[in-house]
Amino acid sequence: MLVSLVKIALGTTASVRAMMDSLSDIRATLVRTTTGTTGRRPTIAIPPELDPEQRRAARVFELARWLPSLLS
């Protein structure tokens, strides 16, 4: 049911399997940087390369709320 609602929200004509495969490729990489000082190291999120369908899904589901650099 949830997958059907996602398909409706995106307005896609792709099959459910193809749509879910495409959406599962949206992944960010977290990298810990070094500062040369003691303490907790800062973490930087590197956004993935998105195709147009993935970019539309990120906008529809407001994924940039959790990863601001996703749509930049």
PDB file of N, CA and C in Angstrom:
ATOM      1  N   MET A   1       0.820  -1.184   0.000  1.00  0.00           N
ATOM      2  CA  MET A   1       0.000   0.000   0.000  1.00  0.00           C
ATOM      3  C   MET A   1       0.875   1.263   0.000  1.00  0.00           C
ATOM      4  N   LEU A   2       1.900   1.265   0.834  1.00  0.00           N
ATOM      5  CA  LEU A   2       2.775   2.432   0.919  1.00  0.00           C
ATOM      6  C   LEU A   2       3.506   2.676  -0.402  1.00  0.00           C
ATOM      7  N   VAL A   3       3.958   1.612  -1.038  1.00  0.00           N
ATOM      8  CA  VAL A   3       4.660   1.746  -2.310  1.00  0.00           C
ATOM      9  C   VAL A   3       3.715   2.304  -3.373  1.00  0.00           C
ATOM     10  N   SER A   4       2.474   1.882  -3.345  1.00  0.00           N
ATOM     11  CA  SER A   4       1.484   2.413  -4.293  1.00  0.00           C
ATOM     12  C   SER A   4       1.260   3.899  -4.059  1.00  0.00           C
ATOM     13  N   LEU A   5       1.229   4.324  -2.816  1.00  0.00           N
ATOM     14  CA  LEU A   5       1.067   5.746  -2.504  1.00  0.00           C
ATOM     15  C   LEU A   5       2.273   6.559  -2.977  1.00  0.00           C
ATOM     16  N   VAL A   6       3.474   5.991  -2.863  1.00  0.00           N
ATOM     17  CA  VAL A   6       4.673   6.665  -3.360  1.00  0.00           C
ATOM     18  C   VAL A   6       4.581   6.829  -4.871  1.00  0.00           C
ATOM     19  N   LYS A   7       4.136   5.784  -5.546  1.00  0.00           N
ATOM     20  CA  LYS A   7       4.008   5.837  -7.001  1.00  0.00           C
ATOM     21  C   LYS A   7       3.001   6.904  -7.423  1.00  0.00           C
ATOM     22  N   ILE A   8       1.907   7.013  -6.703  1.00  0.00           N
ATOM     23  CA  ILE A   8       0.895   8.041  -6.994  1.00  0.00           C
ATOM     24  C   ILE A   8       1.467   9.432  -6.724  1.00  0.00           C
ATOM     25  N   ALA A   9       2.162   9.592  -5.603  1.00  0.00           N
ATOM     26  CA  ALA A   9       2.714  10.904  -5.234  1.00  0.00           C
ATOM     27  C   ALA A   9       3.732  11.381  -6.269  1.00  0.00           C
ATOM     28  N   LEU A  10       4.510  10.455  -6.818  1.00  0.00           N
ATOM     29  CA  LEU A  10       5.520  10.825  -7.809  1.00  0.00           C
ATOM     30  C   LEU A  10       4.936  10.948  -9.207  1.00  0.00           C
ATOM     31  N   GLY A  11       3.768  10.347  -9.427  1.00  0.00           N
ATOM     32  CA  GLY A  11       3.150  10.413 -10.742  1.00  0.00           C
ATOM     33  C   GLY A  11       3.976   9.718 -11.806  1.00  0.00           C
ATOM     34  N   THR A  12       4.626   8.639 -11.455  1.00  0.00           N
ATOM     35  CA  THR A  12       5.502   7.932 -12.379  1.00  0.00           C
ATOM     36  C   THR A  12       4.761   6.813 -13.111  1.00  0.00           C
ATOM     37  N   THR A  13       5.226   6.510 -14.299  1.00  0.00           N
ATOM     38  CA  THR A  13       4.655   5.396 -15.058  1.00  0.00           C
ATOM     39  C   THR A  13       5.578   4.179 -15.018  1.00  0.00           C
ATOM     40  N   ALA A  14       6.698   4.298 -14.322  1.00  0.00           N
ATOM     41  CA  ALA A  14       7.645   3.182 -14.203  1.00  0.00           C
ATOM     42  C   ALA A  14       7.025   2.080 -13.347  1.00  0.00           C
ATOM     43  N   SER A  15       7.538   0.871 -13.515  1.00  0.00           N
ATOM     44  CA  SER A  15       7.061  -0.233 -12.692  1.00  0.00           C
ATOM     45  C   SER A  15       7.464   0.010 -11.239  1.00  0.00           C
ATOM     46  N   VAL A  16       6.786  -0.672 -10.357  1.00  0.00           N
ATOM     47  CA  VAL A  16       7.069  -0.510  -8.929  1.00  0.00           C
ATOM     48  C   VAL A  16       8.510  -0.914  -8.631  1.00  0.00           C
ATOM     49  N   ARG A  17       8.960  -2.012  -9.202  1.00  0.00           N
ATOM     50  CA  ARG A  17      10.327  -2.480  -8.950  1.00  0.00           C
ATOM     51  C   ARG A  17      11.353  -1.473  -9.464  1.00  0.00           C
ATOM     52  N   ALA A  18      11.144  -0.945 -10.666  1.00  0.00           N
ATOM     53  CA  ALA A  18      12.083   0.034 -11.227  1.00  0.00           C
ATOM     54  C   ALA A  18      12.092   1.308 -10.401  1.00  0.00           C
ATOM     55  N   MET A  19      10.916   1.744  -9.951  1.00  0.00           N
ATOM     56  CA  MET A  19      10.828   2.951  -9.137  1.00  0.00           C
ATOM     57  C   MET A  19      11.561   2.761  -7.813  1.00  0.00           C
ATOM     58  N   MET A  20      11.348   1.633  -7.152  1.00  0.00           N
ATOM     59  CA  MET A  20      11.992   1.386  -5.866  1.00  0.00           C
ATOM     60  C   MET A  20      13.503   1.203  -6.031  1.00  0.00           C
ATOM     61  N   ASP A  21      13.944   0.590  -7.132  1.00  0.00           N
ATOM     62  CA  ASP A  21      15.383   0.474  -7.382  1.00  0.00           C
ATOM     63  C   ASP A  21      16.009   1.851  -7.547  1.00  0.00           C
ATOM     64  N   SER A  22      15.315   2.721  -8.264  1.00  0.00           N
ATOM     65  CA  SER A  22      15.826   4.078  -8.467  1.00  0.00           C
ATOM     66  C   SER A  22      15.887   4.844  -7.148  1.00  0.00           C
ATOM     67  N   LEU A  23      14.842   4.741  -6.347  1.00  0.00           N
ATOM     68  CA  LEU A  23      14.805   5.468  -5.080  1.00  0.00           C
ATOM     69  C   LEU A  23      15.807   4.911  -4.071  1.00  0.00           C
ATOM     70  N   SER A  24      16.094   3.628  -4.146  1.00  0.00           N
ATOM     71  CA  SER A  24      17.051   3.046  -3.196  1.00  0.00           C
ATOM     72  C   SER A  24      18.477   3.496  -3.477  1.00  0.00           C
ATOM     73  N   ASP A  25      18.719   4.080  -4.649  1.00  0.00           N
ATOM     74  CA  ASP A  25      20.055   4.584  -4.979  1.00  0.00           C
ATOM     75  C   ASP A  25      20.334   5.970  -4.405  1.00  0.00           C
ATOM     76  N   ILE A  26      19.373   6.578  -3.732  1.00  0.00           N
ATOM     77  CA  ILE A  26      19.592   7.887  -3.111  1.00  0.00           C
ATOM     78  C   ILE A  26      20.312   7.653  -1.783  1.00  0.00           C
ATOM     79  N   ARG A  27      21.605   7.874  -1.794  1.00  0.00           N
ATOM     80  CA  ARG A  27      22.416   7.645  -0.589  1.00  0.00           C
ATOM     81  C   ARG A  27      23.453   8.748  -0.469  1.00  0.00           C
ATOM     82  N   ALA A  28      23.633   9.234   0.729  1.00  0.00           N
ATOM     83  CA  ALA A  28      24.660  10.239   0.989  1.00  0.00           C
ATOM     84  C   ALA A  28      25.831   9.547   1.684  1.00  0.00           C
ATOM     85  N   THR A  29      26.999  10.099   1.519  1.00  0.00           N
ATOM     86  CA  THR A  29      28.197   9.571   2.153  1.00  0.00           C
ATOM     87  C   THR A  29      28.614  10.525   3.260  1.00  0.00           C
ATOM     88  N   LEU A  30      28.854   9.992   4.450  1.00  0.00           N
ATOM     89  CA  LEU A  30      29.330  10.794   5.571  1.00  0.00           C
ATOM     90  C   LEU A  30      30.831  10.598   5.714  1.00  0.00           C
ATOM     91  N   VAL A  31      31.553  11.702   5.796  1.00  0.00           N
ATOM     92  CA  VAL A  31      33.007  11.655   5.902  1.00  0.00           C
ATOM     93  C   VAL A  31      33.429  12.430   7.141  1.00  0.00           C
ATOM     94  N   ARG A  32      34.245  11.793   7.964  1.00  0.00           N
ATOM     95  CA  ARG A  32      34.798  12.477   9.133  1.00  0.00           C
ATOM     96  C   ARG A  32      36.081  13.162   8.721  1.00  0.00           C
ATOM     97  N   THR A  33      36.175  14.436   9.036  1.00  0.00           N
ATOM     98  CA  THR A  33      37.356  15.206   8.662  1.00  0.00           C
ATOM     99  C   THR A  33      38.304  15.318   9.852  1.00  0.00           C
ATOM    100  N   THR A  34      39.525  15.687   9.580  1.00  0.00           N
ATOM    101  CA  THR A  34      40.490  15.891  10.655  1.00  0.00           C
ATOM    102  C   THR A  34      40.762  17.383  10.793  1.00  0.00           C
ATOM    103  N   THR A  35      40.904  17.816  12.019  1.00  0.00           N
ATOM    104  CA  THR A  35      41.170  19.224  12.285  1.00  0.00           C
ATOM    105  C   THR A  35      42.536  19.433  12.903  1.00  0.00           C
ATOM    106  N   GLY A  36      43.171  18.355  13.326  1.00  0.00           N
ATOM    107  CA  GLY A  36      44.484  18.474  13.959  1.00  0.00           C
ATOM    108  C   GLY A  36      44.397  18.776  15.442  1.00  0.00           C
ATOM    109  N   THR A  37      43.187  18.901  15.971  1.00  0.00           N
ATOM    110  CA  THR A  37      43.013  19.157  17.399  1.00  0.00           C
ATOM    111  C   THR A  37      42.310  17.970  18.036  1.00  0.00           C
ATOM    112  N   THR A  38      42.297  17.951  19.352  1.00  0.00           N
ATOM    113  CA  THR A  38      41.610  16.876  20.053  1.00  0.00           C
ATOM    114  C   THR A  38      40.115  17.159  20.084  1.00  0.00           C
ATOM    115  N   GLY A  39      39.365  16.142  20.353  1.00  0.00           N
ATOM    116  CA  GLY A  39      37.917  16.290  20.426  1.00  0.00           C
ATOM    117  C   GLY A  39      37.228  15.598  19.260  1.00  0.00           C
ATOM    118  N   ARG A  40      35.951  15.763  19.230  1.00  0.00           N
ATOM    119  CA  ARG A  40      35.149  15.125  18.195  1.00  0.00           C
ATOM    120  C   ARG A  40      35.429  15.743  16.823  1.00  0.00           C
ATOM    121  N   ARG A  41      35.649  14.875  15.854  1.00  0.00           N
ATOM    122  CA  ARG A  41      35.928  15.347  14.497  1.00  0.00           C
ATOM    123  C   ARG A  41      34.627  15.723  13.790  1.00  0.00           C
ATOM    124  N   PRO A  42      34.626  16.807  13.022  1.00  0.00           N
ATOM    125  CA  PRO A  42      33.425  17.190  12.293  1.00  0.00           C
ATOM    126  C   PRO A  42      33.117  16.196  11.170  1.00  0.00           C
ATOM    127  N   THR A  43      31.834  16.032  10.891  1.00  0.00           N
ATOM    128  CA  THR A  43      31.375  15.135   9.842  1.00  0.00           C
ATOM    129  C   THR A  43      30.767  15.954   8.713  1.00  0.00           C
ATOM    130  N   ILE A  44      31.119  15.610   7.488  1.00  0.00           N
ATOM    131  CA  ILE A  44      30.602  16.292   6.306  1.00  0.00           C
ATOM    132  C   ILE A  44      29.790  15.289   5.497  1.00  0.00           C
ATOM    133  N   ALA A  45      28.604  15.694   5.038  1.00  0.00           N
ATOM    134  CA  ALA A  45      27.770  14.844   4.196  1.00  0.00           C
ATOM    135  C   ALA A  45      28.016  15.197   2.736  1.00  0.00           C
ATOM    136  N   ILE A  46      28.369  14.192   1.953  1.00  0.00           N
ATOM    137  CA  ILE A  46      28.585  14.385   0.526  1.00  0.00           C
ATOM    138  C   ILE A  46      27.330  13.885  -0.190  1.00  0.00           C
ATOM    139  N   PRO A  47      26.622  14.778  -0.885  1.00  0.00           N
ATOM    140  CA  PRO A  47      25.372  14.360  -1.533  1.00  0.00           C
ATOM    141  C   PRO A  47      25.634  13.479  -2.751  1.00  0.00           C
ATOM    142  N   PRO A  48      24.672  12.614  -3.070  1.00  0.00           N
ATOM    143  CA  PRO A  48      24.833  11.747  -4.236  1.00  0.00           C
ATOM    144  C   PRO A  48      24.491  12.476  -5.536  1.00  0.00           C
ATOM    145  N   GLU A  49      24.893  11.898  -6.650  1.00  0.00           N
ATOM    146  CA  GLU A  49      24.471  12.379  -7.958  1.00  0.00           C
ATOM    147  C   GLU A  49      23.053  11.853  -8.183  1.00  0.00           C
ATOM    148  N   LEU A  50      22.120  12.741  -8.473  1.00  0.00           N
ATOM    149  CA  LEU A  50      20.728  12.338  -8.642  1.00  0.00           C
ATOM    150  C   LEU A  50      20.287  12.484 -10.085  1.00  0.00           C
ATOM    151  N   ASP A  51      19.522  11.485 -10.562  1.00  0.00           N
ATOM    152  CA  ASP A  51      18.919  11.627 -11.876  1.00  0.00           C
ATOM    153  C   ASP A  51      17.629  12.432 -11.711  1.00  0.00           C
ATOM    154  N   PRO A  52      16.984  12.849 -12.793  1.00  0.00           N
ATOM    155  CA  PRO A  52      15.786  13.700 -12.665  1.00  0.00           C
ATOM    156  C   PRO A  52      14.662  13.081 -11.826  1.00  0.00           C
ATOM    157  N   GLU A  53      14.458  11.777 -11.939  1.00  0.00           N
ATOM    158  CA  GLU A  53      13.403  11.124 -11.155  1.00  0.00           C
ATOM    159  C   GLU A  53      13.732  11.160  -9.661  1.00  0.00           C
ATOM    160  N   GLN A  54      14.975  10.909  -9.316  1.00  0.00           N
ATOM    161  CA  GLN A  54      15.389  10.950  -7.918  1.00  0.00           C
ATOM    162  C   GLN A  54      15.313  12.369  -7.365  1.00  0.00           C
ATOM    163  N   ARG A  55      15.679  13.354  -8.192  1.00  0.00           N
ATOM    164  CA  ARG A  55      15.601  14.760  -7.766  1.00  0.00           C
ATOM    165  C   ARG A  55      14.146  15.151  -7.490  1.00  0.00           C
ATOM    166  N   ARG A  56      13.227  14.698  -8.347  1.00  0.00           N
ATOM    167  CA  ARG A  56      11.807  14.992  -8.140  1.00  0.00           C
ATOM    168  C   ARG A  56      11.308  14.335  -6.848  1.00  0.00           C
ATOM    169  N   ALA A  57      11.727  13.093  -6.589  1.00  0.00           N
ATOM    170  CA  ALA A  57      11.328  12.402  -5.361  1.00  0.00           C
ATOM    171  C   ALA A  57      11.872  13.136  -4.134  1.00  0.00           C
ATOM    172  N   ALA A  58      13.107  13.632  -4.222  1.00  0.00           N
ATOM    173  CA  ALA A  58      13.689  14.372  -3.095  1.00  0.00           C
ATOM    174  C   ALA A  58      12.894  15.639  -2.805  1.00  0.00           C
ATOM    175  N   ARG A  59      12.390  16.293  -3.860  1.00  0.00           N
ATOM    176  CA  ARG A  59      11.566  17.489  -3.658  1.00  0.00           C
ATOM    177  C   ARG A  59      10.187  17.127  -3.099  1.00  0.00           C
ATOM    178  N   VAL A  60       9.539  16.103  -3.673  1.00  0.00           N
ATOM    179  CA  VAL A  60       8.193  15.712  -3.244  1.00  0.00           C
ATOM    180  C   VAL A  60       8.182  15.288  -1.782  1.00  0.00           C
ATOM    181  N   PHE A  61       9.174  14.511  -1.374  1.00  0.00           N
ATOM    182  CA  PHE A  61       9.209  13.994  -0.004  1.00  0.00           C
ATOM    183  C   PHE A  61      10.063  14.840   0.935  1.00  0.00           C
ATOM    184  N   GLU A  62      10.488  16.018   0.462  1.00  0.00           N
ATOM    185  CA  GLU A  62      11.228  16.986   1.273  1.00  0.00           C
ATOM    186  C   GLU A  62      12.440  16.357   1.968  1.00  0.00           C
ATOM    187  N   LEU A  63      13.223  15.602   1.209  1.00  0.00           N
ATOM    188  CA  LEU A  63      14.398  14.941   1.777  1.00  0.00           C
ATOM    189  C   LEU A  63      15.496  15.924   2.142  1.00  0.00           C
ATOM    190  N   ALA A  64      15.467  17.111   1.559  1.00  0.00           N
ATOM    191  CA  ALA A  64      16.476  18.122   1.877  1.00  0.00           C
ATOM    192  C   ALA A  64      16.344  18.614   3.322  1.00  0.00           C
ATOM    193  N   ARG A  65      15.238  18.296   3.944  1.00  0.00           N
ATOM    194  CA  ARG A  65      15.068  18.663   5.355  1.00  0.00           C
ATOM    195  C   ARG A  65      16.112  17.953   6.211  1.00  0.00           C
ATOM    196  N   TRP A  66      16.472  16.717   5.844  1.00  0.00           N
ATOM    197  CA  TRP A  66      17.448  15.961   6.607  1.00  0.00           C
ATOM    198  C   TRP A  66      18.846  16.057   6.042  1.00  0.00           C
ATOM    199  N   LEU A  67      18.957  16.390   4.755  1.00  0.00           N
ATOM    200  CA  LEU A  67      20.259  16.541   4.118  1.00  0.00           C
ATOM    201  C   LEU A  67      20.189  17.758   3.210  1.00  0.00           C
ATOM    202  N   PRO A  68      20.448  18.955   3.770  1.00  0.00           N
ATOM    203  CA  PRO A  68      20.283  20.197   3.013  1.00  0.00           C
ATOM    204  C   PRO A  68      21.056  20.257   1.705  1.00  0.00           C
ATOM    205  N   SER A  69      22.185  19.597   1.618  1.00  0.00           N
ATOM    206  CA  SER A  69      22.977  19.670   0.393  1.00  0.00           C
ATOM    207  C   SER A  69      22.461  18.728  -0.695  1.00  0.00           C
ATOM    208  N   LEU A  70      21.405  17.982  -0.419  1.00  0.00           N
ATOM    209  CA  LEU A  70      20.896  17.004  -1.373  1.00  0.00           C
ATOM    210  C   LEU A  70      20.440  17.637  -2.680  1.00  0.00           C
ATOM    211  N   LEU A  71      19.756  18.752  -2.630  1.00  0.00           N
ATOM    212  CA  LEU A  71      19.209  19.370  -3.829  1.00  0.00           C
ATOM    213  C   LEU A  71      20.028  20.547  -4.328  1.00  0.00           C
ATOM    214  N   SER A  72      21.215  20.731  -3.782  1.00  0.00           N
ATOM    215  CA  SER A  72      22.031  21.869  -4.233  1.00  0.00           C
ATOM    216  C   SER A  72      22.871  21.508  -5.420  1.00  0.00           C
TER     217      SER A  72
END
